[in-house]
């Protein structure tokens, strides 16, 4: 299976763009994903570091929000999902191109497609973040929940949150990409603060203003199909998962449409240093 763009097929293997930046590989799906993960852990260490920072900040916040004052404990149901939402509603997921701006811009100028580049990065995000989130979900239900929730259903619902956010993250990654300059770089370029604030704030606006509305159709459909949720938990949960994958695919499709309509804008946004 290949994710190769049409113009890229005419480039020699390992070809670089005029600026000298390395391109996304064209080796088939499995090897492309393996290369993306290798690239992440060798050339995007700042991205990995921000995952740890987000978790360090997010864990106490989610614990505080999940605290049940009447029982003096933490509500386990939805805890791992809330952690996933906290991490995925950040620039780690909504600025996937900006964290790899030179490579992404070079690939676009060489003829690559937005959906392909984003899909590879989506899979990298999925493979890096999903295992610890699911592990946390299992551990909480084995050690804290009384009585323990249905672990398989809980894990599928965690995946729903991840897939939905990959869709939103893909679209925001083309609409509002930015280069992570660090605090020193930001202070040295004060004109960058307005755009940076918008790019950082937009995901949280989506989280609080749009996400609940986005779930209304899937919940309405599930309620109509399966009137008593307790008697159809798996069917209900799988309906939510389908909606998650639909959202993911829609995010990639809209990202591709945006790039086809305004290719220069996305490329210029990736190359802007302010």
Protein backbone atom coordinates (compact mmCIF):
# COMPACT_ATOMS: atom_id res chain seq x y z
CA UNK A 1 0.00 0.00 0.00
CA UNK A 2 1.42 3.34 -0.98
CA UNK A 3 0.55 6.85 0.12
CA UNK A 4 2.64 8.44 -2.58
CA UNK A 5 1.63 11.72 -4.17
CA UNK A 6 1.50 11.83 -7.97
CA UNK A 7 4.28 14.38 -8.54
CA UNK A 8 6.45 12.75 -5.90
CA UNK A 9 6.59 9.54 -7.90
CA UNK A 10 8.88 11.27 -10.39
CA UNK A 11 11.42 12.34 -7.76
CA UNK A 12 14.49 10.18 -7.06
CA UNK A 13 14.49 8.27 -3.76
CA UNK A 14 15.70 10.47 -0.91
CA UNK A 15 15.47 13.62 -3.01
CA UNK A 16 15.56 16.90 -1.14
CA UNK A 17 13.75 20.14 -1.81
CA UNK A 18 15.61 23.17 -3.03
CA UNK A 19 16.03 24.45 0.52
CA UNK A 20 17.90 21.26 1.41
CA UNK A 21 15.24 19.98 3.83
CA UNK A 22 14.58 16.26 4.02
CA UNK A 23 11.28 15.11 2.51
CA UNK A 24 8.66 12.77 3.86
CA UNK A 25 9.58 9.24 2.66
CA UNK A 26 7.77 7.34 -0.07
CA UNK A 27 8.41 3.75 0.98
CA UNK A 28 4.88 2.35 1.50
CA UNK A 29 2.59 2.70 4.48
CA UNK A 30 4.36 0.55 7.07
CA UNK A 31 7.87 1.85 6.33
CA UNK A 32 6.60 5.44 6.08
CA UNK A 33 5.00 5.17 9.53
CA UNK A 34 8.16 3.56 10.93
CA UNK A 35 10.20 6.43 9.50
CA UNK A 36 7.79 8.99 10.98
CA UNK A 37 8.20 7.46 14.44
CA UNK A 38 11.99 7.33 14.01
CA UNK A 39 11.96 10.97 12.91
CA UNK A 40 9.79 11.90 15.90
CA UNK A 41 12.16 10.35 18.44
CA UNK A 42 15.32 11.70 16.78
CA UNK A 43 14.44 15.04 15.17
CA UNK A 44 11.35 16.16 17.13
CA UNK A 45 12.52 15.72 20.70
CA UNK A 46 10.90 19.04 21.64
CA UNK A 47 7.55 17.50 20.69
CA UNK A 48 8.23 14.50 22.94
CA UNK A 49 9.29 16.83 25.75
CA UNK A 50 6.05 18.78 25.48
CA UNK A 51 4.07 15.56 25.91
CA UNK A 52 5.72 15.11 29.31
CA UNK A 53 5.10 18.77 30.20
CA UNK A 54 1.44 18.49 29.18
CA UNK A 55 1.00 15.35 31.25
CA UNK A 56 2.70 16.96 34.26
CA UNK A 57 0.29 19.91 34.02
CA UNK A 58 -2.76 17.93 32.95
CA UNK A 59 -2.71 15.15 35.54
CA UNK A 60 -3.26 17.35 38.62
CA UNK A 61 -5.86 19.43 36.75
CA UNK A 62 -7.83 16.37 35.65
CA UNK A 63 -7.53 14.85 39.14
CA UNK A 64 -8.93 18.07 40.61
CA UNK A 65 -11.78 18.11 38.09
CA UNK A 66 -12.54 14.42 38.74
CA UNK A 67 -12.44 14.65 42.53
CA UNK A 68 -15.57 13.35 44.22
CA UNK A 69 -15.82 15.31 47.45
CA UNK A 70 -18.67 13.14 48.75
CA UNK A 71 -16.65 9.92 48.51
CA UNK A 72 -13.23 11.46 49.03
CA UNK A 73 -11.80 9.83 45.92
CA UNK A 74 -11.30 10.38 42.17
CA UNK A 75 -14.00 9.42 39.68
CA UNK A 76 -12.28 6.79 37.53
CA UNK A 77 -14.81 6.71 34.71
CA UNK A 78 -13.60 9.00 31.94
CA UNK A 79 -10.32 9.85 33.71
CA UNK A 80 -8.02 8.48 31.01
CA UNK A 81 -10.29 9.98 28.34
CA UNK A 82 -9.96 13.39 30.02
CA UNK A 83 -6.16 13.02 30.01
CA UNK A 84 -6.27 12.13 26.32
CA UNK A 85 -8.46 15.16 25.62
CA UNK A 86 -6.13 17.43 27.59
CA UNK A 87 -3.07 16.30 25.61
CA UNK A 88 -4.78 16.15 22.20
CA UNK A 89 -6.43 19.56 22.62
CA UNK A 90 -2.96 21.10 22.69
CA UNK A 91 -0.49 22.11 19.98
CA UNK A 92 1.03 18.61 20.18
CA UNK A 93 -1.91 17.44 18.08
CA UNK A 94 -3.23 20.66 16.54
CA UNK A 95 0.16 21.85 15.23
CA UNK A 96 1.48 18.62 13.76
CA UNK A 97 2.88 20.36 10.67
CA UNK A 98 4.37 23.29 12.56
CA UNK A 99 6.51 21.02 14.75
CA UNK A 100 8.00 19.66 11.52
CA UNK A 101 7.67 22.81 9.41
CA UNK A 102 10.77 22.51 7.20
CA UNK A 103 10.19 18.88 6.28
CA UNK A 104 6.45 19.37 5.70
CA UNK A 105 6.90 22.53 3.59
CA UNK A 106 9.61 20.87 1.50
CA UNK A 107 7.37 17.85 0.90
CA UNK A 108 4.46 20.07 -0.15
CA UNK A 109 6.61 22.04 -2.57
CA UNK A 110 7.84 18.74 -4.03
CA UNK A 111 4.23 17.75 -4.74
CA UNK A 112 3.14 15.78 -1.68
CA UNK A 113 -0.47 15.91 -0.49
CA UNK A 114 -1.68 17.35 2.80
CA UNK A 115 -3.77 14.32 3.73
CA UNK A 116 -0.82 11.94 3.25
CA UNK A 117 1.64 13.98 5.31
CA UNK A 118 -0.96 14.50 8.04
CA UNK A 119 -2.04 10.85 8.01
CA UNK A 120 1.52 9.72 8.68
CA UNK A 121 1.86 12.22 11.51
CA UNK A 122 -1.58 11.21 12.84
CA UNK A 123 -0.45 7.60 13.03
CA UNK A 124 2.72 8.67 14.82
CA UNK A 125 0.63 10.62 17.36
CA UNK A 126 -1.71 7.65 17.72
CA UNK A 127 1.08 5.11 18.28
CA UNK A 128 2.98 7.33 20.73
CA UNK A 129 0.05 8.56 22.85
CA UNK A 130 -2.56 5.80 22.75
CA UNK A 131 -0.68 2.98 24.57
CA UNK A 132 0.02 4.97 27.78
CA UNK A 133 -3.55 6.34 27.77
CA UNK A 134 -5.05 2.85 27.45
CA UNK A 135 -2.63 1.47 30.04
CA UNK A 136 -3.66 4.20 32.48
CA UNK A 137 -7.31 3.38 31.83
CA UNK A 138 -6.77 -0.33 32.56
CA UNK A 139 -4.71 0.28 35.70
CA UNK A 140 -7.29 2.66 37.14
CA UNK A 141 -10.11 0.22 36.61
CA UNK A 142 -8.16 -2.69 38.06
CA UNK A 143 -6.93 -0.86 41.14
CA UNK A 144 -9.40 1.94 41.94
CA UNK A 145 -12.84 1.42 40.42
CA UNK A 146 -15.40 -0.17 42.76
CA UNK A 147 -16.98 -2.05 41.07
CA UNK A 148 -14.61 -2.02 38.07
CA UNK A 149 -16.09 -0.70 34.85
CA UNK A 150 -16.13 -2.84 31.74
CA UNK A 151 -12.51 -2.52 30.64
CA UNK A 152 -13.01 -3.35 26.91
CA UNK A 153 -15.84 -0.82 26.58
CA UNK A 154 -13.83 1.79 28.48
CA UNK A 155 -10.84 1.29 26.15
CA UNK A 156 -13.00 1.64 23.03
CA UNK A 157 -14.46 4.88 24.40
CA UNK A 158 -10.94 6.14 25.02
CA UNK A 159 -10.23 5.42 21.34
CA UNK A 160 -13.33 7.43 20.39
CA UNK A 161 -11.83 10.50 22.04
CA UNK A 162 -8.46 9.94 20.34
CA UNK A 163 -9.92 9.51 16.83
CA UNK A 164 -12.21 12.54 17.16
CA UNK A 165 -9.28 14.70 18.23
CA UNK A 166 -7.08 13.44 15.39
CA UNK A 167 -9.73 14.79 13.02
CA UNK A 168 -9.86 18.20 14.70
CA UNK A 169 -6.08 18.21 15.06
CA UNK A 170 -5.53 17.56 11.35
CA UNK A 171 -7.74 20.46 10.31
CA UNK A 172 -6.27 22.90 12.84
CA UNK A 173 -2.78 21.81 11.75
CA UNK A 174 -3.38 23.25 8.28
CA UNK A 175 -5.48 26.23 9.37
CA UNK A 176 -3.16 27.50 12.14
CA UNK A 177 0.34 26.06 11.86
CA UNK A 178 3.18 27.83 13.67
CA UNK A 179 6.85 27.26 14.37
CA UNK A 180 7.67 26.52 18.04
CA UNK A 181 10.28 29.22 18.71
CA UNK A 182 10.57 28.78 22.47
CA UNK A 183 10.19 31.60 25.00
CA UNK A 184 13.44 33.29 24.03
CA UNK A 185 12.52 33.23 20.36
CA UNK A 186 9.08 34.64 21.13
CA UNK A 187 10.50 37.52 23.19
CA UNK A 188 12.88 38.33 20.35
CA UNK A 189 9.98 38.46 17.85
CA UNK A 190 7.16 40.32 19.64
CA UNK A 191 5.14 40.52 16.41
CA UNK A 192 4.63 36.75 16.61
CA UNK A 193 2.67 36.84 19.87
CA UNK A 194 -0.77 37.63 18.42
CA UNK A 195 -0.74 34.75 15.94
CA UNK A 196 0.88 32.45 18.50
CA UNK A 197 -1.86 33.21 21.06
CA UNK A 198 -4.59 32.51 18.50
CA UNK A 199 -2.95 29.23 17.45
CA UNK A 200 -2.54 28.07 21.05
CA UNK A 201 -6.01 29.20 22.14
CA UNK A 202 -8.01 27.83 19.20
CA UNK A 203 -7.87 24.15 20.28
CA UNK A 204 -9.22 25.00 23.72
CA UNK A 205 -12.01 27.06 22.13
CA UNK A 206 -12.87 23.96 20.08
CA UNK A 207 -12.73 21.85 23.24
CA UNK A 208 -15.13 24.01 25.23
CA UNK A 209 -17.38 25.45 22.50
CA UNK A 210 -17.61 22.87 19.71
CA UNK A 211 -16.76 19.41 20.96
CA UNK A 212 -19.97 18.77 22.92
CA UNK A 213 -22.04 20.00 19.98
CA UNK A 214 -20.05 17.75 17.63
CA UNK A 215 -21.08 14.70 19.67
CA UNK A 216 -24.82 15.52 19.48
CA UNK A 217 -25.50 13.69 16.14
CA UNK A 218 -23.73 10.48 17.19
CA UNK A 219 -25.47 10.43 20.58
CA UNK A 220 -28.86 11.12 18.98
CA UNK A 221 -28.31 8.31 16.45
CA UNK A 222 -27.18 5.87 19.13
CA UNK A 223 -30.17 6.78 21.31
CA UNK A 224 -32.54 6.27 18.39
CA UNK A 225 -31.03 2.91 17.41
CA UNK A 226 -30.50 1.57 20.92
CA UNK A 227 -33.13 2.98 23.24
CA UNK A 228 -31.79 1.39 26.40
CA UNK A 229 -28.06 2.02 26.56
CA UNK A 230 -27.49 -0.39 29.45
CA UNK A 231 -28.82 -3.26 27.37
CA UNK A 232 -26.86 -2.32 24.23
CA UNK A 233 -23.60 -0.96 25.62
CA UNK A 234 -21.38 -2.51 22.95
CA UNK A 235 -23.60 -1.41 20.05
CA UNK A 236 -23.79 2.09 21.54
CA UNK A 237 -20.02 2.23 22.05
CA UNK A 238 -19.23 1.00 18.55
CA UNK A 239 -21.54 3.65 17.10
CA UNK A 240 -19.47 6.26 18.93
CA UNK A 241 -16.26 4.71 17.57
CA UNK A 242 -17.57 4.85 13.99
CA UNK A 243 -18.32 8.54 14.52
CA UNK A 244 -14.76 8.99 15.77
CA UNK A 245 -13.29 7.47 12.60
CA UNK A 246 -15.70 9.52 10.45
CA UNK A 247 -14.44 12.66 12.22
CA UNK A 248 -10.82 11.63 11.66
CA UNK A 249 -11.44 11.00 7.94
CA UNK A 250 -13.39 14.24 7.58
CA UNK A 251 -10.56 16.19 9.21
CA UNK A 252 -8.05 14.74 6.72
CA UNK A 253 -10.39 15.38 3.77
CA UNK A 254 -11.03 19.01 4.74
CA UNK A 255 -7.29 19.50 5.28
CA UNK A 256 -6.62 18.28 1.77
CA UNK A 257 -9.36 20.51 0.31
CA UNK A 258 -7.91 23.53 2.14
CA UNK A 259 -4.42 22.83 0.79
CA UNK A 260 -5.68 22.34 -2.76
CA UNK A 261 -7.53 25.67 -2.59
CA UNK A 262 -4.73 27.67 -0.92
CA UNK A 263 -1.45 25.76 -1.34
CA UNK A 264 0.78 28.81 -1.12
CA UNK A 265 -0.86 30.01 2.08
CA UNK A 266 -0.11 26.78 3.94
CA UNK A 267 3.44 26.63 2.61
CA UNK A 268 4.03 30.27 3.53
CA UNK A 269 2.55 29.72 7.02
CA UNK A 270 4.95 26.84 7.57
CA UNK A 271 7.89 28.98 6.51
CA UNK A 272 6.94 32.08 8.49
CA UNK A 273 9.25 32.76 11.42
CA UNK A 274 7.14 35.32 13.20
